[in-house]
């Protein structure tokens, strides 16, 4: 008979496996002429802390130079959440299938 700890591990492994099989979506940052570069970097760091300063700066610069940049790739619901959070900060973001 499995212990409670073993059952928890099995459940966690199942959740991870399901998350890995979900369709992925890109969060796209679009360039705009309203916000300065430091504001964009700060908004990215506040919303998606795993980017780190260098990552947030690179994304901002790519969007500035090319018109858009992929911020991250994740399951749809998570991408929609982060996209909404960035929009609430005034950034133009969209999601699209990866």
Protein backbone atom coordinates (compact mmCIF):
# COMPACT_ATOMS: atom_id res chain seq x y z
CA UNK A 1 0.00 0.00 0.00
CA UNK A 2 1.36 3.42 -1.02
CA UNK A 3 2.09 5.97 1.66
CA UNK A 4 0.70 9.49 1.49
CA UNK A 5 4.14 10.77 0.42
CA UNK A 6 4.33 8.23 -2.40
CA UNK A 7 0.82 9.15 -3.56
CA UNK A 8 1.79 12.83 -3.58
CA UNK A 9 4.85 12.06 -5.74
CA UNK A 10 2.70 10.07 -8.19
CA UNK A 11 0.21 12.96 -8.43
CA UNK A 12 2.99 15.51 -8.97
CA UNK A 13 4.57 13.38 -11.69
CA UNK A 14 1.19 13.06 -13.41
CA UNK A 15 0.67 16.83 -13.30
CA UNK A 16 4.12 17.49 -14.75
CA UNK A 17 3.53 14.91 -17.49
CA UNK A 18 0.19 16.53 -18.40
CA UNK A 19 1.70 20.03 -18.45
CA UNK A 20 4.45 18.86 -20.80
CA UNK A 21 1.90 17.47 -23.27
CA UNK A 22 -0.32 20.59 -23.43
CA UNK A 23 -0.08 22.66 -26.63
CA UNK A 24 2.38 25.54 -26.23
CA UNK A 25 1.82 29.23 -27.01
CA UNK A 26 4.28 32.07 -27.46
CA UNK A 27 3.78 35.30 -25.56
CA UNK A 28 4.74 38.03 -28.03
CA UNK A 29 5.88 41.54 -27.07
CA UNK A 30 5.19 44.13 -29.76
CA UNK A 31 7.18 47.33 -30.05
CA UNK A 32 5.42 50.58 -29.25
CA UNK A 33 6.41 54.21 -29.24
CA UNK A 34 4.73 54.99 -25.91
CA UNK A 35 6.91 53.31 -23.29
CA UNK A 36 10.61 53.85 -22.79
CA UNK A 37 12.97 50.89 -22.77
CA UNK A 38 13.53 50.84 -19.01
CA UNK A 39 9.78 50.76 -18.36
CA UNK A 40 9.42 47.74 -20.65
CA UNK A 41 12.31 45.90 -18.96
CA UNK A 42 10.86 46.66 -15.51
CA UNK A 43 7.38 45.47 -16.54
CA UNK A 44 8.83 42.23 -17.91
CA UNK A 45 10.83 41.62 -14.74
CA UNK A 46 7.86 42.34 -12.47
CA UNK A 47 5.61 39.98 -14.41
CA UNK A 48 7.90 37.12 -15.43
CA UNK A 49 10.60 37.09 -12.79
CA UNK A 50 12.37 34.06 -14.25
CA UNK A 51 13.58 36.18 -17.21
CA UNK A 52 16.30 37.96 -15.25
CA UNK A 53 17.61 41.39 -16.20
CA UNK A 54 19.65 40.26 -19.18
CA UNK A 55 16.76 38.22 -20.58
CA UNK A 56 14.24 41.04 -20.13
CA UNK A 57 16.64 43.52 -21.75
CA UNK A 58 17.27 41.20 -24.70
CA UNK A 59 13.52 40.72 -25.29
CA UNK A 60 12.88 44.47 -25.09
CA UNK A 61 15.72 45.20 -27.51
CA UNK A 62 14.60 42.54 -30.00
CA UNK A 63 11.04 43.94 -29.99
CA UNK A 64 12.43 47.45 -30.45
CA UNK A 65 14.64 46.46 -33.37
CA UNK A 66 12.40 43.98 -35.19
CA UNK A 67 8.89 44.97 -34.12
CA UNK A 68 8.19 41.95 -31.92
CA UNK A 69 9.86 39.37 -29.71
CA UNK A 70 8.92 36.09 -28.07
CA UNK A 71 8.87 36.56 -24.30
CA UNK A 72 8.19 32.95 -23.33
CA UNK A 73 6.49 29.76 -24.48
CA UNK A 74 4.04 27.93 -22.21
CA UNK A 75 0.59 26.31 -22.04
CA UNK A 76 -2.27 28.51 -23.28
CA UNK A 77 -3.87 29.38 -19.92
CA UNK A 78 -0.55 30.42 -18.43
CA UNK A 79 0.34 32.41 -21.56
CA UNK A 80 -3.04 34.18 -21.43
CA UNK A 81 -2.47 35.06 -17.78
CA UNK A 82 0.97 36.59 -18.35
CA UNK A 83 -0.20 38.33 -21.52
CA UNK A 84 -3.04 39.93 -19.52
CA UNK A 85 -0.69 40.99 -16.73
CA UNK A 86 1.65 42.66 -19.23
CA UNK A 87 -1.28 44.37 -20.93
CA UNK A 88 -2.39 45.69 -17.54
CA UNK A 89 1.03 47.34 -17.32
CA UNK A 90 0.41 48.98 -20.68
CA UNK A 91 2.51 46.73 -22.92
CA UNK A 92 1.19 45.48 -26.26
CA UNK A 93 1.33 41.69 -26.07
CA UNK A 94 -0.39 38.81 -27.85
CA UNK A 95 -0.23 35.03 -27.81
CA UNK A 96 0.07 32.68 -30.74
CA UNK A 97 0.53 28.92 -31.13
CA UNK A 98 4.15 27.83 -30.90
